[in-house]
Structures are given as C-alpha cells and as structure tokens.
Amino acid sequence: MSGDIEDKPQPLIEHLMELRTRLIWAIGAFFVAFIVCFIFAKHLFNALVYPYKWAVNWAGLDVTKAQLIYTAPQEFFFTQVKVAMFGGLVIAFPIIAAQIYKFVAPGLYKNERAAFLPFLIASPVLFLLGGALVYFFFTPMVMWFFLTMQQAPGEGDVAISLLPKVSEYLSLVMTLVFSFGLVFQLPVVTTLLARVGLLTSQWLAEKRKFAIVLAFVVAAVLTPPDPMSQIGLALPTILLYEIAIYAARLVERQRSRQAVEEADGSADVAKTDSV
C-alpha cells in the first residue's frame, strides 16, 4: 500500500512551509486579478447591467431611460471594489484550485488523484454554467418581474418608478450567481460522497421528496422574496438532484466492475500459484 505513495512522509515544518507557499501563490493570484478588475471595474459593472437593460426591453419600456442610482458619495466606489473582488475571485479561481490540489495531492494515492482531478475541473465549469444561467435568463426575468410592478401616473394614482441602487443591484446579481453556482455543485458533491461510500443512489432516491421540499426552502432563503427567482432556483436544484442520483449510480456500477475485475485477477493469481 505504501508503494502507491510517491512522496515520502514530511515533518510538520515542511508541511507548513508548503502551505505557506501555496497560500502566497493563491493570494498573489487573487491580488493581481483584483487590481486588473478594479482598473476595469466600470466596464465590468456596465457588463453586469446588460441583463437589466434586457428586462427593460422585455417590459416594453424605453431602454435609453433605464438608469441606476447611488445615494451615498462612497457607494459607487465600494460597489466597484466589490465588482473587482468578485471578478478577481472568478479569474483567480483556477490558480487557487490548482494550489489546493498541489497541496493535497502528495497525501493521496495515485488512484485517488486520478479520481479527484476530474471533479476539480468539473466544479468551476458547473459554477460558470450556473452563473451563465443567472446572467442570461434569471436576472433579466427577476428584473422584468420587478419592473412590471411600476405604476404609471393617472387619475388618483401617483407615479411609482423603479430606480435601482448600484449597490443593491450588484448584491442581487452576486446573490443569484453564488446561489446558482453553489447549487450546480450538487452533482460534484454527491458523486464524491458516493465514491467514498458515504452516500448511495438508493438512499438519494428514497430521500427525493425531502430533497424537493428542501430545494424550495433553500431557494426561499437564498433568493430575493419573489416567486420567479425562488421557483427558478428550486427547479434546477431538483433537476440537479436527479442528475446526482444518476451520477451516484454510475459510480456504484464502476465500483462493482472494479471489484469484479479485482476478484477475477485474484482468482487468476491463485490458479497460477497452485500450478
């Protein structure tokens, strides 16, 4: 068993030095990405405003009159800082994930490394898929829902218009992106747990009804208090849960196949030894 490990045991001080090196690389990558994103923070924020413009267009309003406001002198500056931090984390994530893998990999067996690496690649891909779904569909849909609540001036009615604040709009987008990004990690997490034997596809299937209820509860907590975004998060969560069950079954089939192959190999070795 020990022959499967390439690296020799290291003393604690060497592990701490290795951890320090990986932290320096991860923090340095985030800092550089943050500086670059802060320089282009206004352009990045304008890119995040496109879903709002699409929602204005869907609502049949004049896109040229769509605007965001800020009510405190420092509000837009700190909004740009948040945009830079958000963009820096997204850009630097591959480097940060690589540093985590390099720190953990020496303590894993070769087969564990081969099993862990695909999940390291799948995790950011699924997160980006969730973010893209938010950007191109759910954010415009949510903003369209809020825009339809405006009231035009009329007899006995006053004009009620939506003037979003830059900080609140960014918080809405970031909340939706992180919520969907985390939910899209469900197949990765369940597959990993199934691989180590902590979950089974049968157990996941039996708990399906509880998962559906929990999906709507989590959606109500993570999303804004409107039915569109809550249903929009709950339905993909349920779909991803079904994908997770299927992925767990694939892992179980693979483990069964490997067990059969190992048993056949042991039987062949026993026959050879007897001869």
Protein backbone atom coordinates (compact mmCIF):
# COMPACT_ATOMS: atom_id res chain seq x y z
CA MET A 1 0.00 0.00 0.00
CA SER A 2 2.80 2.41 0.88
CA GLY A 3 4.34 1.88 -2.55
CA ASP A 4 1.40 3.73 -4.12
CA ILE A 5 2.51 6.97 -2.47
CA GLU A 6 5.16 8.82 -4.40
CA ASP A 7 6.13 11.33 -1.72
CA LYS A 8 7.86 10.39 1.48
CA PRO A 9 6.43 11.47 4.83
CA GLN A 10 7.43 15.04 5.63
CA PRO A 11 7.82 16.70 9.02
CA LEU A 12 5.27 19.25 10.17
CA ILE A 13 7.51 22.24 9.45
CA GLU A 14 7.82 21.21 5.79
CA HIS A 15 4.05 20.88 5.50
CA LEU A 16 3.65 24.38 6.96
CA MET A 17 6.23 25.76 4.54
CA GLU A 18 4.41 24.09 1.66
CA LEU A 19 1.12 25.55 2.91
CA ARG A 20 2.69 29.00 3.10
CA THR A 21 3.94 28.70 -0.49
CA ARG A 22 0.52 27.67 -1.76
CA LEU A 23 -1.18 30.48 0.16
CA ILE A 24 1.25 33.04 -1.27
CA TRP A 25 0.54 31.86 -4.81
CA ALA A 26 -3.25 31.84 -4.22
CA ILE A 27 -3.37 35.26 -2.53
CA GLY A 28 -0.97 36.72 -5.10
CA ALA A 29 -3.13 35.48 -7.97
CA PHE A 30 -6.24 36.95 -6.38
CA PHE A 31 -4.49 40.29 -5.70
CA VAL A 32 -3.25 40.62 -9.29
CA ALA A 33 -6.68 39.70 -10.66
CA PHE A 34 -8.31 42.15 -8.24
CA ILE A 35 -6.08 45.03 -9.41
CA VAL A 36 -6.82 44.28 -13.06
CA CYS A 37 -10.55 44.02 -12.40
CA PHE A 38 -10.56 47.24 -10.36
CA ILE A 39 -8.98 49.10 -13.27
CA PHE A 40 -11.82 47.92 -15.49
CA ALA A 41 -14.46 47.95 -12.72
CA LYS A 42 -16.79 50.38 -14.51
CA HIS A 43 -16.67 48.31 -17.70
CA LEU A 44 -17.37 45.14 -15.71
CA PHE A 45 -20.29 46.78 -13.92
CA ASN A 46 -21.69 48.00 -17.24
CA ALA A 47 -21.49 44.41 -18.47
CA LEU A 48 -23.49 43.30 -15.42
CA VAL A 49 -26.13 45.93 -16.25
CA TYR A 50 -26.98 44.30 -19.61
CA PRO A 51 -29.50 41.89 -18.01
CA TYR A 52 -31.29 44.93 -16.54
CA LYS A 53 -31.44 46.53 -19.98
CA TRP A 54 -32.85 43.31 -21.43
CA ALA A 55 -35.51 43.31 -18.71
CA VAL A 56 -36.40 46.92 -19.52
CA ASN A 57 -36.77 45.92 -23.16
CA TRP A 58 -38.95 42.91 -22.19
CA ALA A 59 -41.18 45.23 -20.16
CA GLY A 60 -41.72 47.43 -23.25
CA LEU A 61 -40.01 50.46 -21.68
CA ASP A 62 -37.54 52.90 -23.18
CA VAL A 63 -34.09 51.37 -22.75
CA THR A 64 -32.40 54.77 -23.10
CA LYS A 65 -34.15 55.92 -19.91
CA ALA A 66 -33.02 52.94 -17.83
CA GLN A 67 -30.72 54.08 -15.06
CA LEU A 68 -29.17 53.08 -11.76
CA ILE A 69 -28.54 55.49 -8.90
CA TYR A 70 -26.41 55.76 -5.79
CA THR A 71 -27.46 57.76 -2.74
CA ALA A 72 -24.20 57.92 -0.79
CA PRO A 73 -20.99 59.57 -2.08
CA GLN A 74 -18.89 56.45 -1.44
CA GLU A 75 -21.49 53.92 -2.59
CA PHE A 76 -20.40 53.55 -6.22
CA PHE A 77 -16.72 53.37 -5.22
CA PHE A 78 -17.32 50.46 -2.85
CA THR A 79 -19.56 48.88 -5.47
CA GLN A 80 -16.60 48.93 -7.86
CA VAL A 81 -14.45 47.36 -5.14
CA LYS A 82 -16.99 44.55 -4.76
CA VAL A 83 -17.09 44.08 -8.54
CA ALA A 84 -13.28 43.86 -8.59
CA MET A 85 -13.27 41.33 -5.75
CA PHE A 86 -15.96 39.26 -7.46
CA GLY A 87 -14.17 39.34 -10.81
CA GLY A 88 -10.78 38.71 -9.19
CA LEU A 89 -12.08 35.63 -7.40
CA VAL A 90 -13.58 34.23 -10.61
CA ILE A 91 -10.41 34.86 -12.64
CA ALA A 92 -8.04 33.58 -9.95
CA PHE A 93 -10.10 30.54 -9.04
CA PRO A 94 -8.29 28.13 -11.44
CA ILE A 95 -4.95 29.09 -9.87
CA ILE A 96 -6.36 28.86 -6.34
CA ALA A 97 -7.86 25.43 -7.11
CA ALA A 98 -4.56 24.29 -8.60
CA GLN A 99 -2.70 25.35 -5.45
CA ILE A 100 -5.18 23.45 -3.28
CA TYR A 101 -4.71 20.37 -5.43
CA LYS A 102 -0.90 20.65 -5.32
CA PHE A 103 -1.02 20.86 -1.52
CA VAL A 104 -3.40 17.92 -1.12
CA ALA A 105 -2.10 15.68 -3.93
CA PRO A 106 1.09 14.40 -2.20
CA GLY A 107 -1.06 12.82 0.51
CA LEU A 108 -3.25 10.93 -1.96
CA TYR A 109 -2.75 7.61 -3.67
CA LYS A 110 -2.44 7.56 -7.44
CA ASN A 111 -5.96 6.24 -7.95
CA GLU A 112 -7.30 8.92 -5.58
CA ARG A 113 -5.52 11.63 -7.56
CA ALA A 114 -6.99 10.31 -10.79
CA ALA A 115 -10.45 10.32 -9.19
CA PHE A 116 -10.11 13.77 -7.63
CA LEU A 117 -8.78 15.66 -10.67
CA PRO A 118 -11.97 15.43 -12.83
CA PHE A 119 -14.03 16.90 -10.00
CA LEU A 120 -11.53 19.76 -9.69
CA ILE A 121 -12.18 20.55 -13.33
CA ALA A 122 -15.95 19.96 -13.23
CA SER A 123 -16.54 22.21 -10.22
CA PRO A 124 -15.61 25.57 -11.84
CA VAL A 125 -17.27 24.54 -15.10
CA LEU A 126 -20.56 23.85 -13.31
CA PHE A 127 -20.23 27.09 -11.34
CA LEU A 128 -19.79 29.04 -14.57
CA LEU A 129 -22.81 27.27 -16.07
CA GLY A 130 -24.88 28.37 -13.08
CA GLY A 131 -23.57 31.93 -13.39
CA ALA A 132 -24.33 31.99 -17.12
CA LEU A 133 -27.88 30.82 -16.44
CA VAL A 134 -28.29 33.68 -13.95
CA TYR A 135 -26.79 36.28 -16.29
CA PHE A 136 -28.67 35.39 -19.47
CA PHE A 137 -32.02 34.30 -18.05
CA PHE A 138 -32.83 34.64 -14.37
CA THR A 139 -31.54 38.16 -13.71
CA PRO A 140 -33.48 39.62 -16.66
CA MET A 141 -36.53 37.62 -15.60
CA VAL A 142 -36.34 38.82 -11.99
CA MET A 143 -35.78 42.45 -13.01
CA TRP A 144 -38.66 42.20 -15.51
CA PHE A 145 -40.89 40.96 -12.67
CA PHE A 146 -39.95 43.97 -10.54
CA LEU A 147 -40.35 46.40 -13.46
CA THR A 148 -43.90 45.22 -14.09
CA MET A 149 -44.82 46.43 -10.59
CA GLN A 150 -44.27 50.07 -11.59
CA GLN A 151 -47.30 52.34 -11.58
CA ALA A 152 -47.99 54.96 -14.22
CA PRO A 153 -49.49 58.29 -13.15
CA GLY A 154 -53.25 58.51 -13.60
CA GLU A 155 -56.42 59.79 -12.03
CA GLY A 156 -55.98 59.31 -8.32
CA ASP A 157 -52.68 57.45 -8.78
CA VAL A 158 -49.15 58.68 -8.37
CA ALA A 159 -46.20 57.56 -10.46
CA ILE A 160 -44.21 54.75 -8.87
CA SER A 161 -40.96 54.05 -10.72
CA LEU A 162 -38.14 51.62 -10.14
CA LEU A 163 -34.76 53.32 -9.64
CA PRO A 164 -32.35 50.58 -8.54
CA LYS A 165 -29.29 51.48 -6.49
CA VAL A 166 -25.98 50.30 -7.89
CA SER A 167 -25.06 48.51 -4.65
CA GLU A 168 -28.42 46.74 -4.34
CA TYR A 169 -28.39 45.66 -7.98
CA LEU A 170 -24.88 44.24 -7.60
CA SER A 171 -25.93 42.44 -4.40
CA LEU A 172 -28.88 40.91 -6.24
CA VAL A 173 -26.70 39.68 -9.11
CA MET A 174 -23.98 38.33 -6.80
CA THR A 175 -26.56 36.58 -4.59
CA LEU A 176 -28.12 34.88 -7.59
CA VAL A 177 -24.75 33.92 -9.10
CA PHE A 178 -23.44 32.42 -5.86
CA SER A 179 -26.75 30.67 -5.16
CA PHE A 180 -26.93 29.03 -8.57
CA GLY A 181 -23.19 28.36 -8.61
CA LEU A 182 -23.37 26.51 -5.29
CA VAL A 183 -26.48 24.58 -6.31
CA PHE A 184 -24.74 23.46 -9.51
CA GLN A 185 -22.09 21.81 -7.31
CA LEU A 186 -24.66 19.26 -6.13
CA PRO A 187 -23.68 16.54 -8.64
CA VAL A 188 -19.99 17.01 -7.79
CA VAL A 189 -20.55 16.75 -4.03
CA THR A 190 -22.89 13.77 -4.19
CA THR A 191 -20.63 11.93 -6.64
CA LEU A 192 -17.64 12.42 -4.34
CA LEU A 193 -19.63 11.20 -1.35
CA ALA A 194 -20.84 8.20 -3.33
CA ARG A 195 -17.28 7.42 -4.41
CA VAL A 196 -16.08 7.26 -0.79
CA GLY A 197 -19.14 5.23 0.22
CA LEU A 198 -20.95 7.83 2.34
CA LEU A 199 -23.96 8.02 0.01
CA THR A 200 -25.78 5.55 -2.23
CA SER A 201 -28.08 6.14 -5.18
CA GLN A 202 -30.82 4.17 -3.40
CA TRP A 203 -30.62 6.44 -0.34
CA LEU A 204 -30.75 9.54 -2.55
CA ALA A 205 -33.77 8.19 -4.41
CA GLU A 206 -35.57 7.39 -1.15
CA LYS A 207 -34.98 10.94 0.12
CA ARG A 208 -36.24 12.57 -3.08
CA LYS A 209 -39.42 14.01 -1.55
CA PHE A 210 -37.47 15.61 1.29
CA ALA A 211 -34.97 17.00 -1.23
CA ILE A 212 -37.79 18.66 -3.18
CA VAL A 213 -39.10 20.39 -0.06
CA LEU A 214 -35.58 21.37 0.96
CA ALA A 215 -34.93 22.79 -2.53
CA PHE A 216 -37.83 25.23 -2.18
CA VAL A 217 -36.80 26.15 1.37
CA VAL A 218 -33.20 26.86 0.31
CA ALA A 219 -34.45 28.83 -2.70
CA ALA A 220 -36.64 30.95 -0.43
CA VAL A 221 -33.65 31.71 1.82
CA LEU A 222 -31.03 32.39 -0.86
CA THR A 223 -33.04 34.33 -3.44
CA PRO A 224 -34.95 37.63 -3.31
CA PRO A 225 -38.51 37.44 -1.95
CA ASP A 226 -40.24 36.95 -5.30
CA PRO A 227 -41.76 33.73 -6.64
CA MET A 228 -39.97 33.94 -10.00
CA SER A 229 -36.43 33.66 -8.63
CA GLN A 230 -37.44 31.14 -5.95
CA ILE A 231 -39.05 28.78 -8.45
CA GLY A 232 -36.21 29.50 -10.86
CA LEU A 233 -33.68 28.21 -8.33
CA ALA A 234 -35.76 25.35 -6.93
CA LEU A 235 -36.48 23.69 -10.29
CA PRO A 236 -32.80 23.46 -11.39
CA THR A 237 -31.95 22.18 -7.91
CA ILE A 238 -34.44 19.33 -8.28
CA LEU A 239 -33.10 18.55 -11.77
CA LEU A 240 -29.53 18.54 -10.46
CA TYR A 241 -30.61 16.21 -7.66
CA GLU A 242 -31.85 13.74 -10.27
CA ILE A 243 -28.53 14.10 -12.12
CA ALA A 244 -26.75 13.44 -8.83
CA ILE A 245 -28.70 10.19 -8.37
CA TYR A 246 -27.73 9.10 -11.88
CA ALA A 247 -24.07 10.03 -11.24
CA ALA A 248 -24.09 8.04 -7.99
CA ARG A 249 -25.41 5.01 -9.87
CA LEU A 250 -22.60 5.34 -12.41
CA VAL A 251 -20.06 5.42 -9.56
CA GLU A 252 -21.60 2.33 -7.98
CA ARG A 253 -21.51 0.46 -11.29
CA GLN A 254 -17.87 1.43 -11.74
CA ARG A 255 -17.00 0.26 -8.24
CA SER A 256 -18.82 -3.05 -8.82
CA ARG A 257 -16.98 -3.53 -12.10
CA GLN A 258 -13.64 -2.85 -10.43
CA ALA A 259 -14.48 -5.27 -7.62
CA VAL A 260 -15.29 -8.00 -10.16
CA GLU A 261 -12.07 -7.33 -12.06
CA GLU A 262 -10.02 -7.44 -8.85
CA ALA A 263 -11.72 -10.69 -7.83
CA ASP A 264 -11.01 -12.23 -11.25
CA GLY A 265 -7.41 -11.07 -11.03
CA SER A 266 -7.02 -12.61 -7.58
CA ALA A 267 -8.53 -15.87 -8.84
CA ASP A 268 -6.11 -15.96 -11.79
CA VAL A 269 -3.16 -15.38 -9.46
CA ALA A 270 -4.37 -18.16 -7.15
CA LYS A 271 -4.63 -20.57 -10.10
CA THR A 272 -1.14 -19.66 -11.27
CA ASP A 273 0.30 -20.20 -7.79
CA SER A 274 -1.43 -23.57 -7.49
CA VAL A 275 0.02 -24.69 -10.80
